[in-house]
mmCIF file of all heavy atoms, coordinates in Angstrom:
data_MODEL
# 
_entry.id   MODEL 
# 
loop_
_atom_site.group_PDB 
_atom_site.id 
_atom_site.type_symbol 
_atom_site.label_atom_id 
_atom_site.label_alt_id 
_atom_site.label_comp_id 
_atom_site.label_asym_id 
_atom_site.label_entity_id 
_atom_site.label_seq_id 
_atom_site.pdbx_PDB_ins_code 
_atom_site.Cartn_x 
_atom_site.Cartn_y 
_atom_site.Cartn_z 
_atom_site.occupancy 
_atom_site.B_iso_or_equiv 
_atom_site.pdbx_formal_charge 
_atom_site.auth_seq_id 
_atom_site.auth_comp_id 
_atom_site.auth_asym_id 
_atom_site.auth_atom_id 
_atom_site.pdbx_PDB_model_num 
ATOM 1   N N   . MET A 1 1  ? -4.655  -4.688 5.043  1.00 0.00 ? 1  MET A N   1 
ATOM 2   C CA  . MET A 1 1  ? -4.013  -3.449 4.698  1.00 0.00 ? 1  MET A CA  1 
ATOM 3   C C   . MET A 1 1  ? -4.447  -2.883 3.402  1.00 0.00 ? 1  MET A C   1 
ATOM 4   O O   . MET A 1 1  ? -4.753  -1.732 3.203  1.00 0.00 ? 1  MET A O   1 
ATOM 5   C CB  . MET A 1 1  ? -2.458  -3.542 4.635  1.00 0.00 ? 1  MET A CB  1 
ATOM 6   C CG  . MET A 1 1  ? -1.877  -3.611 6.083  1.00 0.00 ? 1  MET A CG  1 
ATOM 7   S SD  . MET A 1 1  ? -0.007  -3.439 6.153  1.00 0.00 ? 1  MET A SD  1 
ATOM 8   C CE  . MET A 1 1  ? 0.387   -4.762 5.081  1.00 0.00 ? 1  MET A CE  1 
ATOM 9   N N   . LEU A 1 2  ? -4.522  -3.837 2.346  1.00 0.00 ? 2  LEU A N   1 
ATOM 10  C CA  . LEU A 1 2  ? -5.062  -3.428 1.033  1.00 0.00 ? 2  LEU A CA  1 
ATOM 11  C C   . LEU A 1 2  ? -6.488  -2.891 1.133  1.00 0.00 ? 2  LEU A C   1 
ATOM 12  O O   . LEU A 1 2  ? -6.860  -1.917 0.468  1.00 0.00 ? 2  LEU A O   1 
ATOM 13  C CB  . LEU A 1 2  ? -4.933  -4.743 0.108  1.00 0.00 ? 2  LEU A CB  1 
ATOM 14  C CG  . LEU A 1 2  ? -5.492  -4.428 -1.262 1.00 0.00 ? 2  LEU A CG  1 
ATOM 15  C CD1 . LEU A 1 2  ? -4.597  -3.390 -1.933 1.00 0.00 ? 2  LEU A CD1 1 
ATOM 16  C CD2 . LEU A 1 2  ? -5.358  -5.714 -2.075 1.00 0.00 ? 2  LEU A CD2 1 
ATOM 17  N N   . SER A 1 3  ? -7.360  -3.600 1.967  1.00 0.00 ? 3  SER A N   1 
ATOM 18  C CA  . SER A 1 3  ? -8.676  -2.977 2.150  1.00 0.00 ? 3  SER A CA  1 
ATOM 19  C C   . SER A 1 3  ? -8.716  -1.606 2.700  1.00 0.00 ? 3  SER A C   1 
ATOM 20  O O   . SER A 1 3  ? -9.705  -0.893 2.539  1.00 0.00 ? 3  SER A O   1 
ATOM 21  C CB  . SER A 1 3  ? -9.497  -3.967 2.980  1.00 0.00 ? 3  SER A CB  1 
ATOM 22  O OG  . SER A 1 3  ? -9.100  -4.070 4.287  1.00 0.00 ? 3  SER A OG  1 
ATOM 23  N N   . GLY A 1 4  ? -7.593  -1.263 3.449  1.00 0.00 ? 4  GLY A N   1 
ATOM 24  C CA  . GLY A 1 4  ? -7.618  0.004  3.998  1.00 0.00 ? 4  GLY A CA  1 
ATOM 25  C C   . GLY A 1 4  ? -7.062  1.054  3.025  1.00 0.00 ? 4  GLY A C   1 
ATOM 26  O O   . GLY A 1 4  ? -6.975  2.274  3.298  1.00 0.00 ? 4  GLY A O   1 
ATOM 27  N N   . GLY A 1 5  ? -6.733  0.642  1.895  1.00 0.00 ? 5  GLY A N   1 
ATOM 28  C CA  . GLY A 1 5  ? -6.233  1.613  0.809  1.00 0.00 ? 5  GLY A CA  1 
ATOM 29  C C   . GLY A 1 5  ? -4.736  1.884  0.688  1.00 0.00 ? 5  GLY A C   1 
ATOM 30  O O   . GLY A 1 5  ? -4.352  2.702  -0.046 1.00 0.00 ? 5  GLY A O   1 
ATOM 31  N N   . LEU A 1 6  ? -3.960  1.115  1.404  1.00 0.00 ? 6  LEU A N   1 
ATOM 32  C CA  . LEU A 1 6  ? -2.472  1.362  1.326  1.00 0.00 ? 6  LEU A CA  1 
ATOM 33  C C   . LEU A 1 6  ? -1.771  -0.015 1.500  1.00 0.00 ? 6  LEU A C   1 
ATOM 34  O O   . LEU A 1 6  ? -2.041  -0.798 2.489  1.00 0.00 ? 6  LEU A O   1 
ATOM 35  C CB  . LEU A 1 6  ? -2.019  2.416  2.376  1.00 0.00 ? 6  LEU A CB  1 
ATOM 36  C CG  . LEU A 1 6  ? -0.649  2.834  2.287  1.00 0.00 ? 6  LEU A CG  1 
ATOM 37  C CD1 . LEU A 1 6  ? -0.477  3.662  1.018  1.00 0.00 ? 6  LEU A CD1 1 
ATOM 38  C CD2 . LEU A 1 6  ? -0.335  3.717  3.556  1.00 0.00 ? 6  LEU A CD2 1 
ATOM 39  N N   . LEU A 1 7  ? -0.868  -0.329 0.694  1.00 0.00 ? 7  LEU A N   1 
ATOM 40  C CA  . LEU A 1 7  ? -0.068  -1.515 0.793  1.00 0.00 ? 7  LEU A CA  1 
ATOM 41  C C   . LEU A 1 7  ? 1.280   -1.378 0.359  1.00 0.00 ? 7  LEU A C   1 
ATOM 42  O O   . LEU A 1 7  ? 1.411   -1.044 -0.812 1.00 0.00 ? 7  LEU A O   1 
ATOM 43  C CB  . LEU A 1 7  ? -0.816  -2.710 0.140  1.00 0.00 ? 7  LEU A CB  1 
ATOM 44  C CG  . LEU A 1 7  ? -0.085  -4.026 -0.087 1.00 0.00 ? 7  LEU A CG  1 
ATOM 45  C CD1 . LEU A 1 7  ? 0.095   -4.713 1.323  1.00 0.00 ? 7  LEU A CD1 1 
ATOM 46  C CD2 . LEU A 1 7  ? -0.930  -4.991 -1.100 1.00 0.00 ? 7  LEU A CD2 1 
ATOM 47  N N   . ARG A 1 8  ? 2.283   -1.754 1.111  1.00 0.00 ? 8  ARG A N   1 
ATOM 48  C CA  . ARG A 1 8  ? 3.765   -1.732 0.512  1.00 0.00 ? 8  ARG A CA  1 
ATOM 49  C C   . ARG A 1 8  ? 4.028   -3.243 0.235  1.00 0.00 ? 8  ARG A C   1 
ATOM 50  O O   . ARG A 1 8  ? 3.958   -4.085 1.043  1.00 0.00 ? 8  ARG A O   1 
ATOM 51  C CB  . ARG A 1 8  ? 4.667   -1.206 1.652  1.00 0.00 ? 8  ARG A CB  1 
ATOM 52  C CG  . ARG A 1 8  ? 6.092   -1.310 1.183  1.00 0.00 ? 8  ARG A CG  1 
ATOM 53  C CD  . ARG A 1 8  ? 7.049   -0.210 1.355  1.00 0.00 ? 8  ARG A CD  1 
ATOM 54  N NE  . ARG A 1 8  ? 6.708   1.144  1.568  1.00 0.00 ? 8  ARG A NE  1 
ATOM 55  C CZ  . ARG A 1 8  ? 6.825   2.083  0.735  1.00 0.00 ? 8  ARG A CZ  1 
ATOM 56  N NH1 . ARG A 1 8  ? 7.386   1.784  -0.449 1.00 0.00 ? 8  ARG A NH1 1 
ATOM 57  N NH2 . ARG A 1 8  ? 6.471   3.352  1.071  1.00 0.00 ? 8  ARG A NH2 1 
ATOM 58  N N   . LEU A 1 9  ? 4.428   -3.288 -1.084 1.00 0.00 ? 9  LEU A N   1 
ATOM 59  C CA  . LEU A 1 9  ? 4.772   -4.663 -1.548 1.00 0.00 ? 9  LEU A CA  1 
ATOM 60  C C   . LEU A 1 9  ? 6.292   -5.072 -1.153 1.00 0.00 ? 9  LEU A C   1 
ATOM 61  O O   . LEU A 1 9  ? 6.944   -4.141 -0.808 1.00 0.00 ? 9  LEU A O   1 
ATOM 62  C CB  . LEU A 1 9  ? 4.688   -4.684 -3.104 1.00 0.00 ? 9  LEU A CB  1 
ATOM 63  C CG  . LEU A 1 9  ? 3.293   -4.467 -3.625 1.00 0.00 ? 9  LEU A CG  1 
ATOM 64  C CD1 . LEU A 1 9  ? 3.375   -4.339 -5.171 1.00 0.00 ? 9  LEU A CD1 1 
ATOM 65  C CD2 . LEU A 1 9  ? 2.336   -5.542 -3.235 1.00 0.00 ? 9  LEU A CD2 1 
ATOM 66  N N   . PRO A 1 10 ? 6.539   -6.328 -1.166 1.00 0.00 ? 10 PRO A N   1 
ATOM 67  C CA  . PRO A 1 10 ? 7.944   -6.632 -0.722 1.00 0.00 ? 10 PRO A CA  1 
ATOM 68  C C   . PRO A 1 10 ? 9.074   -5.938 -1.591 1.00 0.00 ? 10 PRO A C   1 
ATOM 69  O O   . PRO A 1 10 ? 10.148  -5.851 -1.043 1.00 0.00 ? 10 PRO A O   1 
ATOM 70  C CB  . PRO A 1 10 ? 7.974   -8.200 -0.994 1.00 0.00 ? 10 PRO A CB  1 
ATOM 71  C CG  . PRO A 1 10 ? 6.544   -8.681 -0.840 1.00 0.00 ? 10 PRO A CG  1 
ATOM 72  C CD  . PRO A 1 10 ? 5.807   -7.503 -1.363 1.00 0.00 ? 10 PRO A CD  1 
ATOM 73  N N   . ASP A 1 11 ? 8.756   -5.613 -2.796 1.00 0.00 ? 11 ASP A N   1 
ATOM 74  C CA  . ASP A 1 11 ? 9.835   -4.931 -3.591 1.00 0.00 ? 11 ASP A CA  1 
ATOM 75  C C   . ASP A 1 11 ? 9.734   -3.545 -3.404 1.00 0.00 ? 11 ASP A C   1 
ATOM 76  O O   . ASP A 1 11 ? 10.387  -2.763 -4.306 1.00 0.00 ? 11 ASP A O   1 
ATOM 77  C CB  . ASP A 1 11 ? 9.562   -5.420 -5.142 1.00 0.00 ? 11 ASP A CB  1 
ATOM 78  C CG  . ASP A 1 11 ? 8.299   -4.944 -5.711 1.00 0.00 ? 11 ASP A CG  1 
ATOM 79  O OD1 . ASP A 1 11 ? 7.527   -4.297 -4.959 1.00 0.00 ? 11 ASP A OD1 1 
ATOM 80  O OD2 . ASP A 1 11 ? 8.076   -5.180 -6.895 1.00 0.00 ? 11 ASP A OD2 1 
ATOM 81  N N   . GLN A 1 12 ? 9.025   -3.029 -2.320 1.00 0.00 ? 12 GLN A N   1 
ATOM 82  C CA  . GLN A 1 12 ? 8.970   -1.571 -2.060 1.00 0.00 ? 12 GLN A CA  1 
ATOM 83  C C   . GLN A 1 12 ? 8.117   -0.813 -2.879 1.00 0.00 ? 12 GLN A C   1 
ATOM 84  O O   . GLN A 1 12 ? 7.922   0.389  -2.551 1.00 0.00 ? 12 GLN A O   1 
ATOM 85  C CB  . GLN A 1 12 ? 10.365  -0.987 -1.955 1.00 0.00 ? 12 GLN A CB  1 
ATOM 86  C CG  . GLN A 1 12 ? 11.337  -1.622 -0.878 1.00 0.00 ? 12 GLN A CG  1 
ATOM 87  C CD  . GLN A 1 12 ? 10.667  -1.742 0.472  1.00 0.00 ? 12 GLN A CD  1 
ATOM 88  O OE1 . GLN A 1 12 ? 10.134  -0.765 1.073  1.00 0.00 ? 12 GLN A OE1 1 
ATOM 89  N NE2 . GLN A 1 12 ? 10.640  -2.937 1.018  1.00 0.00 ? 12 GLN A NE2 1 
ATOM 90  N N   . ARG A 1 13 ? 7.417   -1.333 -3.871 1.00 0.00 ? 13 ARG A N   1 
ATOM 91  C CA  . ARG A 1 13 ? 6.313   -0.412 -4.495 1.00 0.00 ? 13 ARG A CA  1 
ATOM 92  C C   . ARG A 1 13 ? 5.198   -0.276 -3.619 1.00 0.00 ? 13 ARG A C   1 
ATOM 93  O O   . ARG A 1 13 ? 4.899   -1.046 -2.649 1.00 0.00 ? 13 ARG A O   1 
ATOM 94  C CB  . ARG A 1 13 ? 5.859   -1.212 -5.799 1.00 0.00 ? 13 ARG A CB  1 
ATOM 95  C CG  . ARG A 1 13 ? 6.896   -1.349 -6.914 1.00 0.00 ? 13 ARG A CG  1 
ATOM 96  C CD  . ARG A 1 13 ? 6.411   -2.044 -8.045 1.00 0.00 ? 13 ARG A CD  1 
ATOM 97  N NE  . ARG A 1 13 ? 6.057   -3.551 -7.683 1.00 0.00 ? 13 ARG A NE  1 
ATOM 98  C CZ  . ARG A 1 13 ? 5.472   -4.394 -8.436 1.00 0.00 ? 13 ARG A CZ  1 
ATOM 99  N NH1 . ARG A 1 13 ? 4.937   -3.969 -9.577 1.00 0.00 ? 13 ARG A NH1 1 
ATOM 100 N NH2 . ARG A 1 13 ? 5.174   -5.571 -8.042 1.00 0.00 ? 13 ARG A NH2 1 
ATOM 101 N N   . LEU A 1 14 ? 4.561   0.819  -3.794 1.00 0.00 ? 14 LEU A N   1 
ATOM 102 C CA  . LEU A 1 14 ? 3.406   1.197  -2.966 1.00 0.00 ? 14 LEU A CA  1 
ATOM 103 C C   . LEU A 1 14 ? 2.129   1.255  -3.749 1.00 0.00 ? 14 LEU A C   1 
ATOM 104 O O   . LEU A 1 14 ? 1.995   1.816  -4.689 1.00 0.00 ? 14 LEU A O   1 
ATOM 105 C CB  . LEU A 1 14 ? 3.706   2.658  -2.420 1.00 0.00 ? 14 LEU A CB  1 
ATOM 106 C CG  . LEU A 1 14 ? 2.742   3.195  -1.362 1.00 0.00 ? 14 LEU A CG  1 
ATOM 107 C CD1 . LEU A 1 14 ? 2.779   2.355  -0.022 1.00 0.00 ? 14 LEU A CD1 1 
ATOM 108 C CD2 . LEU A 1 14 ? 2.924   4.674  -1.074 1.00 0.00 ? 14 LEU A CD2 1 
ATOM 109 N N   . VAL A 1 15 ? 1.106   0.457  -3.162 1.00 0.00 ? 15 VAL A N   1 
ATOM 110 C CA  . VAL A 1 15 ? -0.295  0.436  -3.759 1.00 0.00 ? 15 VAL A CA  1 
ATOM 111 C C   . VAL A 1 15 ? -1.015  1.336  -2.896 1.00 0.00 ? 15 VAL A C   1 
ATOM 112 O O   . VAL A 1 15 ? -1.009  1.269  -1.664 1.00 0.00 ? 15 VAL A O   1 
ATOM 113 C CB  . VAL A 1 15 ? -0.700  -1.041 -3.770 1.00 0.00 ? 15 VAL A CB  1 
ATOM 114 C CG1 . VAL A 1 15 ? -2.151  -1.117 -4.207 1.00 0.00 ? 15 VAL A CG1 1 
ATOM 115 C CG2 . VAL A 1 15 ? 0.079   -2.021 -4.471 1.00 0.00 ? 15 VAL A CG2 1 
ATOM 116 N N   . PHE A 1 16 ? -1.854  2.131  -3.606 1.00 0.00 ? 16 PHE A N   1 
ATOM 117 C CA  . PHE A 1 16 ? -2.651  3.077  -2.785 1.00 0.00 ? 16 PHE A CA  1 
ATOM 118 C C   . PHE A 1 16 ? -4.010  3.291  -3.459 1.00 0.00 ? 16 PHE A C   1 
ATOM 119 O O   . PHE A 1 16 ? -4.194  3.230  -4.669 1.00 0.00 ? 16 PHE A O   1 
ATOM 120 C CB  . PHE A 1 16 ? -1.949  4.409  -2.557 1.00 0.00 ? 16 PHE A CB  1 
ATOM 121 C CG  . PHE A 1 16 ? -1.729  5.245  -3.911 1.00 0.00 ? 16 PHE A CG  1 
ATOM 122 C CD1 . PHE A 1 16 ? -2.675  6.191  -4.199 1.00 0.00 ? 16 PHE A CD1 1 
ATOM 123 C CD2 . PHE A 1 16 ? -0.647  4.948  -4.716 1.00 0.00 ? 16 PHE A CD2 1 
ATOM 124 C CE1 . PHE A 1 16 ? -2.445  6.961  -5.435 1.00 0.00 ? 16 PHE A CE1 1 
ATOM 125 C CE2 . PHE A 1 16 ? -0.497  5.644  -5.938 1.00 0.00 ? 16 PHE A CE2 1 
ATOM 126 C CZ  . PHE A 1 16 ? -1.456  6.671  -6.233 1.00 0.00 ? 16 PHE A CZ  1 
ATOM 127 N N   . GLY A 1 17 ? -5.007  3.657  -2.676 1.00 0.00 ? 17 GLY A N   1 
ATOM 128 C CA  . GLY A 1 17 ? -6.234  3.915  -3.050 1.00 0.00 ? 17 GLY A CA  1 
ATOM 129 C C   . GLY A 1 17 ? -6.653  5.367  -3.018 1.00 0.00 ? 17 GLY A C   1 
ATOM 130 O O   . GLY A 1 17 ? -5.912  6.185  -2.593 1.00 0.00 ? 17 GLY A O   1 
ATOM 131 N N   . GLU A 1 18 ? -7.886  5.798  -3.447 1.00 0.00 ? 18 GLU A N   1 
ATOM 132 C CA  . GLU A 1 18 ? -8.326  7.127  -3.500 1.00 0.00 ? 18 GLU A CA  1 
ATOM 133 C C   . GLU A 1 18 ? -8.277  7.759  -2.136 1.00 0.00 ? 18 GLU A C   1 
ATOM 134 O O   . GLU A 1 18 ? -7.983  8.883  -2.005 1.00 0.00 ? 18 GLU A O   1 
ATOM 135 C CB  . GLU A 1 18 ? -9.784  7.184  -3.958 1.00 0.00 ? 18 GLU A CB  1 
ATOM 136 C CG  . GLU A 1 18 ? -9.956  6.826  -5.401 1.00 0.00 ? 18 GLU A CG  1 
ATOM 137 C CD  . GLU A 1 18 ? -11.428 7.038  -5.947 1.00 0.00 ? 18 GLU A CD  1 
ATOM 138 O OE1 . GLU A 1 18 ? -12.245 7.261  -4.999 1.00 0.00 ? 18 GLU A OE1 1 
ATOM 139 O OE2 . GLU A 1 18 ? -11.729 6.619  -7.028 1.00 0.00 ? 18 GLU A OE2 1 
ATOM 140 N N   . SER A 1 19 ? -8.477  6.963  -1.069 1.00 0.00 ? 19 SER A N   1 
ATOM 141 C CA  . SER A 1 19 ? -8.547  7.576  0.284  1.00 0.00 ? 19 SER A CA  1 
ATOM 142 C C   . SER A 1 19 ? -7.157  8.026  0.706  1.00 0.00 ? 19 SER A C   1 
ATOM 143 O O   . SER A 1 19 ? -6.999  8.846  1.647  1.00 0.00 ? 19 SER A O   1 
ATOM 144 C CB  . SER A 1 19 ? -9.032  6.502  1.353  1.00 0.00 ? 19 SER A CB  1 
ATOM 145 O OG  . SER A 1 19 ? -8.168  5.379  1.343  1.00 0.00 ? 19 SER A OG  1 
ATOM 146 N N   . MET A 1 20 ? -6.026  7.577  0.106  1.00 0.00 ? 20 MET A N   1 
ATOM 147 C CA  . MET A 1 20 ? -4.691  7.959  0.428  1.00 0.00 ? 20 MET A CA  1 
ATOM 148 C C   . MET A 1 20 ? -4.084  8.916  -0.617 1.00 0.00 ? 20 MET A C   1 
ATOM 149 O O   . MET A 1 20 ? -2.950  9.309  -0.424 1.00 0.00 ? 20 MET A O   1 
ATOM 150 C CB  . MET A 1 20 ? -3.793  6.709  0.541  1.00 0.00 ? 20 MET A CB  1 
ATOM 151 C CG  . MET A 1 20 ? -4.239  5.658  1.579  1.00 0.00 ? 20 MET A CG  1 
ATOM 152 S SD  . MET A 1 20 ? -4.525  6.358  3.287  1.00 0.00 ? 20 MET A SD  1 
ATOM 153 C CE  . MET A 1 20 ? -2.761  6.687  3.624  1.00 0.00 ? 20 MET A CE  1 
ATOM 154 N N   . GLU A 1 21 ? -4.758  9.237  -1.697 1.00 0.00 ? 21 GLU A N   1 
ATOM 155 C CA  . GLU A 1 21 ? -4.152  10.066 -2.690 1.00 0.00 ? 21 GLU A CA  1 
ATOM 156 C C   . GLU A 1 21 ? -3.603  11.365 -2.220 1.00 0.00 ? 21 GLU A C   1 
ATOM 157 O O   . GLU A 1 21 ? -2.639  11.842 -2.661 1.00 0.00 ? 21 GLU A O   1 
ATOM 158 C CB  . GLU A 1 21 ? -5.181  10.347 -3.759 1.00 0.00 ? 21 GLU A CB  1 
ATOM 159 C CG  . GLU A 1 21 ? -5.217  9.105  -4.734 1.00 0.00 ? 21 GLU A CG  1 
ATOM 160 C CD  . GLU A 1 21 ? -6.168  9.404  -5.896 1.00 0.00 ? 21 GLU A CD  1 
ATOM 161 O OE1 . GLU A 1 21 ? -6.907  10.492 -5.967 1.00 0.00 ? 21 GLU A OE1 1 
ATOM 162 O OE2 . GLU A 1 21 ? -6.431  8.514  -6.808 1.00 0.00 ? 21 GLU A OE2 1 
ATOM 163 N N   . ARG A 1 22 ? -4.284  11.960 -1.314 1.00 0.00 ? 22 ARG A N   1 
ATOM 164 C CA  . ARG A 1 22 ? -3.882  13.348 -0.772 1.00 0.00 ? 22 ARG A CA  1 
ATOM 165 C C   . ARG A 1 22 ? -2.590  13.301 -0.067 1.00 0.00 ? 22 ARG A C   1 
ATOM 166 O O   . ARG A 1 22 ? -2.003  14.319 0.189  1.00 0.00 ? 22 ARG A O   1 
ATOM 167 C CB  . ARG A 1 22 ? -4.984  14.013 -0.033 1.00 0.00 ? 22 ARG A CB  1 
ATOM 168 C CG  . ARG A 1 22 ? -5.433  13.347 1.151  1.00 0.00 ? 22 ARG A CG  1 
ATOM 169 C CD  . ARG A 1 22 ? -6.584  13.889 1.854  1.00 0.00 ? 22 ARG A CD  1 
ATOM 170 N NE  . ARG A 1 22 ? -6.962  13.021 2.936  1.00 0.00 ? 22 ARG A NE  1 
ATOM 171 C CZ  . ARG A 1 22 ? -7.950  13.155 3.709  1.00 0.00 ? 22 ARG A CZ  1 
ATOM 172 N NH1 . ARG A 1 22 ? -8.699  14.274 3.654  1.00 0.00 ? 22 ARG A NH1 1 
ATOM 173 N NH2 . ARG A 1 22 ? -8.261  12.366 4.629  1.00 0.00 ? 22 ARG A NH2 1 
ATOM 174 N N   . PHE A 1 23 ? -2.242  12.103 0.410  1.00 0.00 ? 23 PHE A N   1 
ATOM 175 C CA  . PHE A 1 23 ? -1.057  11.993 1.297  1.00 0.00 ? 23 PHE A CA  1 
ATOM 176 C C   . PHE A 1 23 ? 0.187   11.517 0.493  1.00 0.00 ? 23 PHE A C   1 
ATOM 177 O O   . PHE A 1 23 ? 1.243   11.476 1.151  1.00 0.00 ? 23 PHE A O   1 
ATOM 178 C CB  . PHE A 1 23 ? -1.282  10.945 2.349  1.00 0.00 ? 23 PHE A CB  1 
ATOM 179 C CG  . PHE A 1 23 ? -2.403  11.292 3.332  1.00 0.00 ? 23 PHE A CG  1 
ATOM 180 C CD1 . PHE A 1 23 ? -3.525  10.569 3.290  1.00 0.00 ? 23 PHE A CD1 1 
ATOM 181 C CD2 . PHE A 1 23 ? -2.377  12.356 4.156  1.00 0.00 ? 23 PHE A CD2 1 
ATOM 182 C CE1 . PHE A 1 23 ? -4.670  11.017 4.103  1.00 0.00 ? 23 PHE A CE1 1 
ATOM 183 C CE2 . PHE A 1 23 ? -3.441  12.765 5.027  1.00 0.00 ? 23 PHE A CE2 1 
ATOM 184 C CZ  . PHE A 1 23 ? -4.536  11.964 5.031  1.00 0.00 ? 23 PHE A CZ  1 
ATOM 185 N N   . ILE A 1 24 ? 0.063   11.268 -0.718 1.00 0.00 ? 24 ILE A N   1 
ATOM 186 C CA  . ILE A 1 24 ? 1.100   10.617 -1.486 1.00 0.00 ? 24 ILE A CA  1 
ATOM 187 C C   . ILE A 1 24 ? 1.446   11.570 -2.728 1.00 0.00 ? 24 ILE A C   1 
ATOM 188 O O   . ILE A 1 24 ? 0.482   11.883 -3.401 1.00 0.00 ? 24 ILE A O   1 
ATOM 189 C CB  . ILE A 1 24 ? 0.707   9.230  -1.992 1.00 0.00 ? 24 ILE A CB  1 
ATOM 190 C CG1 . ILE A 1 24 ? 0.488   8.315  -0.940 1.00 0.00 ? 24 ILE A CG1 1 
ATOM 191 C CG2 . ILE A 1 24 ? 1.744   8.579  -3.011 1.00 0.00 ? 24 ILE A CG2 1 
ATOM 192 C CD1 . ILE A 1 24 ? -0.047  6.998  -1.168 1.00 0.00 ? 24 ILE A CD1 1 
# 
């Protein structure tokens, strides 16, 4: 999931990459 540019951590924080910036 992280390699795809989006990951939700167990504490609900959201990790995102450049490919997902326009959606967030």
